[in-house]
């Protein structure tokens, strides 16, 4: 099993969710986050005062999938979330040692 962690632009969330559902992903977790990287921050003017925004809003997706499906999930997220502009996000893939469905006690692949 693989844990896929992706950070994407917030306005791409629904499009990415729909694309993942189409390839058979049955669930994911979404967290609103802020961060900075190559995009850094930017300046904005609010009520006539200029201020610097150091952290840019993003959305973090976390989903556990079978190892055989991980490459397809990464490709789907990458293709769907891409705008071609700086700040499109990152995707990380990690190994998962164990999964348990709390309600039924099913483990590993059965718990997905």
N, C-alpha and C. Protein backbone atom coordinates (compact mmCIF):
# COMPACT_ATOMS: atom_id res chain seq x y z
N UNK A 1 0.84 -1.18 0.00
CA UNK A 1 0.00 0.00 0.00
C UNK A 1 0.88 1.24 0.00
N UNK A 2 0.36 2.32 -0.56
CA UNK A 2 1.10 3.58 -0.65
C UNK A 2 0.25 4.72 -0.12
N UNK A 3 0.90 5.64 0.58
CA UNK A 3 0.27 6.88 1.01
C UNK A 3 0.69 7.96 0.03
N UNK A 4 -0.27 8.57 -0.61
CA UNK A 4 0.00 9.66 -1.55
C UNK A 4 -0.40 10.95 -0.87
N UNK A 5 0.55 11.88 -0.76
CA UNK A 5 0.31 13.19 -0.18
C UNK A 5 0.54 14.21 -1.29
N UNK A 6 -0.47 15.00 -1.57
CA UNK A 6 -0.37 16.00 -2.63
C UNK A 6 -0.79 17.36 -2.11
N UNK A 7 -0.04 18.39 -2.48
CA UNK A 7 -0.46 19.75 -2.21
C UNK A 7 -0.81 20.38 -3.56
N UNK A 8 -1.98 20.99 -3.61
CA UNK A 8 -2.46 21.57 -4.87
C UNK A 8 -3.08 22.93 -4.60
N UNK A 9 -3.36 23.66 -5.66
CA UNK A 9 -4.06 24.94 -5.53
C UNK A 9 -5.52 24.65 -5.16
N UNK A 10 -6.08 25.47 -4.25
CA UNK A 10 -7.44 25.19 -3.77
C UNK A 10 -8.52 25.11 -4.85
N UNK A 11 -8.42 25.93 -5.89
CA UNK A 11 -9.47 25.93 -6.91
C UNK A 11 -9.45 24.68 -7.78
N UNK A 12 -8.41 23.85 -7.65
CA UNK A 12 -8.31 22.60 -8.42
C UNK A 12 -8.88 21.41 -7.67
N UNK A 13 -9.29 21.59 -6.42
CA UNK A 13 -9.70 20.47 -5.57
C UNK A 13 -10.83 19.65 -6.18
N UNK A 14 -11.91 20.28 -6.58
CA UNK A 14 -13.07 19.53 -7.07
C UNK A 14 -12.74 18.79 -8.36
N UNK A 15 -11.98 19.42 -9.23
CA UNK A 15 -11.57 18.78 -10.48
C UNK A 15 -10.71 17.54 -10.21
N UNK A 16 -9.78 17.65 -9.27
CA UNK A 16 -8.92 16.53 -8.91
C UNK A 16 -9.74 15.42 -8.27
N UNK A 17 -10.67 15.78 -7.37
CA UNK A 17 -11.52 14.77 -6.72
C UNK A 17 -12.33 13.99 -7.75
N UNK A 18 -12.89 14.69 -8.72
CA UNK A 18 -13.67 14.02 -9.76
C UNK A 18 -12.79 13.07 -10.58
N UNK A 19 -11.59 13.51 -10.94
CA UNK A 19 -10.68 12.67 -11.72
C UNK A 19 -10.27 11.42 -10.94
N UNK A 20 -10.02 11.58 -9.64
CA UNK A 20 -9.64 10.43 -8.80
C UNK A 20 -10.81 9.45 -8.67
N UNK A 21 -12.01 9.97 -8.52
CA UNK A 21 -13.19 9.11 -8.43
C UNK A 21 -13.36 8.29 -9.71
N UNK A 22 -13.10 8.91 -10.85
CA UNK A 22 -13.23 8.21 -12.14
C UNK A 22 -12.26 7.04 -12.28
N UNK A 23 -11.08 7.13 -11.65
CA UNK A 23 -10.12 6.02 -11.76
C UNK A 23 -10.29 5.00 -10.65
N UNK A 24 -11.27 5.21 -9.76
CA UNK A 24 -11.56 4.19 -8.76
C UNK A 24 -11.12 4.49 -7.34
N UNK A 25 -10.64 5.69 -7.07
CA UNK A 25 -10.27 6.04 -5.69
C UNK A 25 -11.56 6.21 -4.90
N UNK A 26 -11.63 5.54 -3.75
CA UNK A 26 -12.87 5.52 -2.99
C UNK A 26 -12.90 6.49 -1.81
N UNK A 27 -11.79 7.11 -1.49
CA UNK A 27 -11.79 8.05 -0.38
C UNK A 27 -10.48 8.81 -0.28
N UNK A 28 -10.54 9.99 0.29
CA UNK A 28 -9.34 10.78 0.52
C UNK A 28 -9.61 11.77 1.63
N UNK A 29 -8.55 12.28 2.21
CA UNK A 29 -8.65 13.29 3.26
C UNK A 29 -8.15 14.60 2.70
N UNK A 30 -8.80 15.69 3.05
CA UNK A 30 -8.45 17.02 2.55
C UNK A 30 -8.22 17.94 3.74
N UNK A 31 -7.13 18.70 3.68
CA UNK A 31 -6.81 19.67 4.72
C UNK A 31 -6.45 20.99 4.05
N UNK A 32 -6.98 22.08 4.57
CA UNK A 32 -6.57 23.40 4.08
C UNK A 32 -5.29 23.77 4.80
N UNK A 33 -4.26 24.13 4.03
CA UNK A 33 -2.96 24.44 4.60
C UNK A 33 -2.44 25.75 4.02
N UNK A 34 -1.34 26.23 4.58
CA UNK A 34 -0.61 27.36 4.02
C UNK A 34 0.85 26.95 3.94
N UNK A 35 1.55 27.45 2.96
CA UNK A 35 2.95 27.11 2.83
C UNK A 35 3.66 28.04 1.90
N UNK A 36 4.96 27.81 1.75
CA UNK A 36 5.72 28.58 0.78
C UNK A 36 6.81 27.70 0.22
N UNK A 37 7.21 27.99 -0.97
CA UNK A 37 8.28 27.27 -1.65
C UNK A 37 8.83 28.20 -2.70
N UNK A 38 8.98 27.71 -3.92
CA UNK A 38 9.49 28.54 -5.00
C UNK A 38 8.57 29.73 -5.26
N UNK A 39 7.27 29.53 -4.97
CA UNK A 39 6.30 30.60 -5.20
C UNK A 39 6.51 31.75 -4.21
N UNK A 40 7.10 31.44 -3.06
CA UNK A 40 7.30 32.41 -1.98
C UNK A 40 6.00 33.11 -1.66
N UNK A 41 6.12 34.33 -1.19
CA UNK A 41 4.92 35.10 -0.89
C UNK A 41 4.71 36.16 -1.96
N UNK A 42 3.83 37.07 -1.68
CA UNK A 42 3.58 38.18 -2.59
C UNK A 42 3.04 39.35 -1.78
N UNK A 43 2.99 40.51 -2.38
CA UNK A 43 2.45 41.66 -1.68
C UNK A 43 1.04 41.95 -2.19
N UNK A 44 0.22 42.41 -1.28
CA UNK A 44 -1.15 42.79 -1.62
C UNK A 44 -1.44 44.14 -0.97
N UNK A 45 -2.43 44.82 -1.52
CA UNK A 45 -2.86 46.09 -0.94
C UNK A 45 -4.26 45.88 -0.38
N UNK A 46 -4.42 46.18 0.90
CA UNK A 46 -5.70 46.02 1.58
C UNK A 46 -6.02 47.33 2.28
N UNK A 47 -7.12 47.96 1.92
CA UNK A 47 -7.54 49.24 2.49
C UNK A 47 -6.43 50.28 2.41
N UNK A 48 -5.76 50.29 1.28
CA UNK A 48 -4.73 51.29 1.03
C UNK A 48 -3.36 50.99 1.61
N UNK A 49 -3.24 49.93 2.41
CA UNK A 49 -1.95 49.58 3.00
C UNK A 49 -1.38 48.35 2.30
N UNK A 50 -0.11 48.40 2.00
CA UNK A 50 0.55 47.27 1.36
C UNK A 50 1.09 46.32 2.44
N UNK A 51 0.87 45.04 2.25
CA UNK A 51 1.42 44.08 3.20
C UNK A 51 1.89 42.84 2.44
N UNK A 52 2.77 42.10 3.07
CA UNK A 52 3.35 40.91 2.45
C UNK A 52 2.65 39.66 2.93
N UNK A 53 2.26 38.80 1.99
CA UNK A 53 1.67 37.51 2.31
C UNK A 53 2.80 36.48 2.16
N UNK A 54 3.27 35.96 3.28
CA UNK A 54 4.40 35.03 3.23
C UNK A 54 3.98 33.60 2.95
N UNK A 55 2.79 33.22 3.36
CA UNK A 55 2.31 31.86 3.17
C UNK A 55 1.14 31.87 2.19
N UNK A 56 1.20 30.95 1.25
CA UNK A 56 0.19 30.87 0.20
C UNK A 56 -0.78 29.74 0.55
N UNK A 57 -2.10 29.98 0.42
CA UNK A 57 -3.07 28.93 0.73
C UNK A 57 -2.97 27.77 -0.27
N UNK A 58 -3.02 26.56 0.25
CA UNK A 58 -2.98 25.34 -0.55
C UNK A 58 -3.98 24.35 0.05
N UNK A 59 -4.17 23.25 -0.63
CA UNK A 59 -4.98 22.15 -0.13
C UNK A 59 -4.10 20.91 -0.14
N UNK A 60 -4.13 20.16 0.98
CA UNK A 60 -3.36 18.92 1.06
C UNK A 60 -4.31 17.74 0.95
N UNK A 61 -4.02 16.85 0.03
CA UNK A 61 -4.78 15.61 -0.14
C UNK A 61 -3.94 14.47 0.41
N UNK A 62 -4.57 13.57 1.13
CA UNK A 62 -3.90 12.36 1.62
C UNK A 62 -4.79 11.18 1.27
N UNK A 63 -4.22 10.18 0.60
CA UNK A 63 -4.99 8.99 0.28
C UNK A 63 -4.09 7.78 0.27
N UNK A 64 -4.62 6.67 0.74
CA UNK A 64 -3.90 5.40 0.74
C UNK A 64 -4.52 4.53 -0.33
N UNK A 65 -3.65 4.03 -1.21
CA UNK A 65 -4.10 3.20 -2.32
C UNK A 65 -3.23 1.96 -2.41
N UNK A 66 -3.67 0.98 -3.16
CA UNK A 66 -2.85 -0.21 -3.38
C UNK A 66 -1.60 0.21 -4.15
N UNK A 67 -0.51 -0.51 -3.95
CA UNK A 67 0.75 -0.17 -4.61
C UNK A 67 0.61 -0.17 -6.12
N UNK A 68 -0.22 -1.06 -6.65
CA UNK A 68 -0.39 -1.14 -8.10
C UNK A 68 -1.12 0.07 -8.67
N UNK A 69 -1.83 0.79 -7.84
CA UNK A 69 -2.61 1.94 -8.30
C UNK A 69 -1.88 3.27 -8.08
N UNK A 70 -0.79 3.27 -7.34
CA UNK A 70 -0.11 4.51 -6.94
C UNK A 70 0.34 5.35 -8.13
N UNK A 71 0.96 4.73 -9.12
CA UNK A 71 1.45 5.50 -10.27
C UNK A 71 0.31 6.18 -11.02
N UNK A 72 -0.81 5.49 -11.16
CA UNK A 72 -1.97 6.06 -11.85
C UNK A 72 -2.54 7.23 -11.06
N UNK A 73 -2.56 7.12 -9.74
CA UNK A 73 -3.06 8.19 -8.88
C UNK A 73 -2.16 9.42 -9.01
N UNK A 74 -0.86 9.21 -8.95
CA UNK A 74 0.09 10.33 -9.08
C UNK A 74 -0.07 11.01 -10.43
N UNK A 75 -0.17 10.23 -11.48
CA UNK A 75 -0.34 10.79 -12.83
C UNK A 75 -1.65 11.57 -12.94
N UNK A 76 -2.71 11.04 -12.38
CA UNK A 76 -4.02 11.71 -12.43
C UNK A 76 -3.99 13.04 -11.69
N UNK A 77 -3.44 13.04 -10.48
CA UNK A 77 -3.35 14.29 -9.71
C UNK A 77 -2.48 15.29 -10.45
N UNK A 78 -1.33 14.84 -10.92
CA UNK A 78 -0.40 15.73 -11.60
C UNK A 78 -1.02 16.37 -12.85
N UNK A 79 -1.66 15.56 -13.66
CA UNK A 79 -2.25 16.08 -14.90
C UNK A 79 -3.45 16.99 -14.63
N UNK A 80 -4.24 16.66 -13.63
CA UNK A 80 -5.46 17.43 -13.35
C UNK A 80 -5.15 18.73 -12.62
N UNK A 81 -4.18 18.73 -11.71
CA UNK A 81 -3.87 19.91 -10.91
C UNK A 81 -2.95 20.90 -11.63
N UNK A 82 -2.35 20.48 -12.72
CA UNK A 82 -1.36 21.33 -13.41
C UNK A 82 -2.02 22.53 -14.09
N UNK A 83 -1.47 23.72 -13.79
CA UNK A 83 -1.88 24.94 -14.49
C UNK A 83 -0.73 25.46 -15.36
N UNK A 84 0.47 24.96 -15.09
CA UNK A 84 1.64 25.43 -15.83
C UNK A 84 2.30 26.64 -15.20
N UNK A 85 1.75 27.08 -14.08
CA UNK A 85 2.30 28.24 -13.40
C UNK A 85 2.97 27.80 -12.10
N UNK A 86 3.85 28.65 -11.59
CA UNK A 86 4.54 28.34 -10.35
C UNK A 86 3.53 28.15 -9.23
N UNK A 87 3.78 27.20 -8.33
CA UNK A 87 2.89 26.96 -7.20
C UNK A 87 1.84 25.90 -7.45
N UNK A 88 2.00 25.10 -8.50
CA UNK A 88 1.02 24.04 -8.79
C UNK A 88 1.00 22.97 -7.70
N UNK A 89 2.10 22.80 -6.98
CA UNK A 89 2.10 21.86 -5.86
C UNK A 89 3.16 20.80 -5.96
N UNK A 90 3.05 19.82 -5.07
CA UNK A 90 3.99 18.70 -4.98
C UNK A 90 3.20 17.44 -4.66
N UNK A 91 3.80 16.29 -5.00
CA UNK A 91 3.21 14.99 -4.66
C UNK A 91 4.30 14.13 -4.05
N UNK A 92 3.99 13.50 -2.94
CA UNK A 92 4.91 12.59 -2.27
C UNK A 92 4.23 11.23 -2.15
N UNK A 93 5.01 10.16 -2.29
CA UNK A 93 4.48 8.80 -2.16
C UNK A 93 5.31 8.07 -1.11
N UNK A 94 4.64 7.51 -0.10
CA UNK A 94 5.31 6.80 0.98
C UNK A 94 4.73 5.41 1.12
N UNK A 95 5.51 4.49 1.65
CA UNK A 95 5.03 3.14 1.94
C UNK A 95 4.16 3.15 3.19
N UNK A 96 3.13 2.32 3.19
CA UNK A 96 2.25 2.17 4.35
C UNK A 96 2.41 0.74 4.86
N UNK A 97 2.75 0.60 6.13
CA UNK A 97 3.00 -0.72 6.71
C UNK A 97 1.70 -1.44 7.07
N UNK A 98 0.69 -0.69 7.51
CA UNK A 98 -0.53 -1.34 7.97
C UNK A 98 -1.70 -0.36 7.88
N UNK A 99 -2.88 -0.90 7.62
CA UNK A 99 -4.12 -0.11 7.64
C UNK A 99 -5.19 -0.95 8.32
N UNK A 100 -6.04 -0.30 9.09
CA UNK A 100 -7.13 -0.99 9.78
C UNK A 100 -8.40 -0.16 9.64
N UNK A 101 -9.48 -0.80 9.23
CA UNK A 101 -10.79 -0.13 9.23
C UNK A 101 -11.36 -0.31 10.62
N UNK A 102 -11.58 0.79 11.31
CA UNK A 102 -12.00 0.76 12.71
C UNK A 102 -13.34 0.05 12.88
N UNK A 103 -14.29 0.35 12.03
CA UNK A 103 -15.65 -0.20 12.18
C UNK A 103 -15.68 -1.72 12.10
N UNK A 104 -14.96 -2.32 11.14
CA UNK A 104 -15.05 -3.76 10.90
C UNK A 104 -13.84 -4.56 11.34
N UNK A 105 -12.73 -3.88 11.57
CA UNK A 105 -11.51 -4.59 11.92
C UNK A 105 -10.75 -5.12 10.71
N UNK A 106 -11.24 -4.85 9.49
CA UNK A 106 -10.53 -5.29 8.29
C UNK A 106 -9.15 -4.64 8.27
N UNK A 107 -8.19 -5.37 7.70
CA UNK A 107 -6.83 -4.84 7.69
C UNK A 107 -6.27 -4.75 6.28
N UNK A 108 -5.24 -3.90 6.16
CA UNK A 108 -4.46 -3.70 4.94
C UNK A 108 -5.34 -3.43 3.73
N UNK A 109 -5.15 -4.17 2.62
CA UNK A 109 -5.88 -3.89 1.37
C UNK A 109 -7.40 -3.94 1.58
N UNK A 110 -7.88 -4.85 2.45
CA UNK A 110 -9.31 -4.97 2.70
C UNK A 110 -9.85 -3.71 3.40
N UNK A 111 -9.00 -3.01 4.12
CA UNK A 111 -9.42 -1.81 4.84
C UNK A 111 -9.56 -0.60 3.93
N UNK A 112 -8.99 -0.69 2.74
CA UNK A 112 -9.06 0.44 1.82
C UNK A 112 -10.44 0.51 1.21
